[in-house]
Every structure is written in C-alpha cells, then in structure tokens.
Amino acid sequence: MERTRLSLLFAALMAMSAFGGEALAGNQIYEPMAASVRAALHAAVSDAGAPEVLIADVEERHRWLQEMSRRLEKRIPDRAYREDLLTSVHYEATRAGLDAQLVLGLIQVESGFRKYAVSGAGARGYMQVMPFWVRTIGGPEDNLFHLRTNLRYGCTILRHYLDVEKGDLFRALGRYNGSLGRPEYPNMVRAAWERHWSYQPLKLAVSDARGQTN
C-alpha cells in the first residue's frame, strides 16, 4: 500500500514538473516568535558572503557540481546559470545546516526549478517563500525572486522549522508547506530527494565498495 501511494505521488510530481503547472505550495503560516528568534533569523537572511560549494576536497567539490549540473540540465539549459544556482543552493543549505540534496528535492516539488513561480497563496520563487517573511525578518529591499535571496530565505525558514520541531524533518516539511500533520508533501519532497538528488561522495562510495568485497 505504501509503495502504491508513493508511486502515485511520483506520478503527480512528474506531471507537475513536466507541464509547468502552478507552484505546488510554500504556504508557510505566520506564527508569532520571540524577539531573539526574529533577530537570529534576520541575521541569517542578511548574510552577504560569496556563495561557494562548501566541500573541502577540491576533486569532490568539482564532482558534486558536475553531477548535479548533469541532472539539472534538462530543466535549466544555461550552464553558467545552472552552476550558479547549484553553487548557491549548496552554500545556503550548508550554512543553514541542511543537506543540499534535500533542498534540491524541495525546490523540485515547490517550483519545478522555476525562478518566477508564484503559488495560489502568493509564495514566490524557487523555494516558494511567503512575502510576510520579508516584513518579519528581512528588509524592504529583499526581492524574493532574486536567486540568492530566495534560497537564503527558504533555507533559513526550513532550518527554523526544524529547530521548532526538534529535528523532526517530517513535521518541519509540513510546516514549510502549511500542511502540518499531513503526509503528502513530506513524502513528495523525500521521494524527489531520494530518487533524483541523492548523492554519495566518491571516497565513501569507494569505501563502501571495498567493504562489500571483503
């Protein structure tokens, strides 16, 4: 039964991505927060550091970027823009303590990698960020259709929800989507993450292969 349900979710996800329909959701709900939390989130979205793939090993860094770029090529044909997006995703996800591949899965579900996607609820951009976040933790100059701004907000918000839910990804994704407690959205993000964006570092892959032969 679970396999059948996931198959249906995959089908819906692929249809949405293929035909470029309305952005799926991103209907985060405003909740009052302590001043200290708001200040921390404001500091997080104010980062102006130059984005980079935060992998220490140069060879592995290049391998990650090339592999993710290959997977994204059909959706974003422009190589320079594609690699800029991937570099920014890795940087923003890593500094927020998130898995970059998880964030790619979330973007696939939320917007189908459409920069100017707008949901019926008014959420914007790659990670479908609701405009109230700009008023709450940002500044009037923050443009949610700007690549890095959108990714920075989205990753910061998901990190915040993870902290609220004490590391429970299922519930954090539900909050991100405005569907807390329902399984459809978290299952779709996890499915996209595992099916399309899972990645194993080369050294770990070699180590695992050696372990299997012993």
Foldseek 3Di string as FASTA:
>chain_A
DVVVVLVVLVVVLVVCLVVQDAFDFQPFDDDDDDPVLLAVLLVQLPDDDDFAQPDPDPVLRVVLLVVVLVLCCVVPVDSVVSSSLLSLLNRLLVVLVHDSLLLVLQLSRGGSQDLAHAHPNGFGGSNRHHVVSCVRRHDPVQDCSDRNSVSSNNNSQLSVLCVVVVNPNQQSQCNSRVNGPDRSRVSSSVCSSVPRRDDDGPVVVVVVVVVVVD
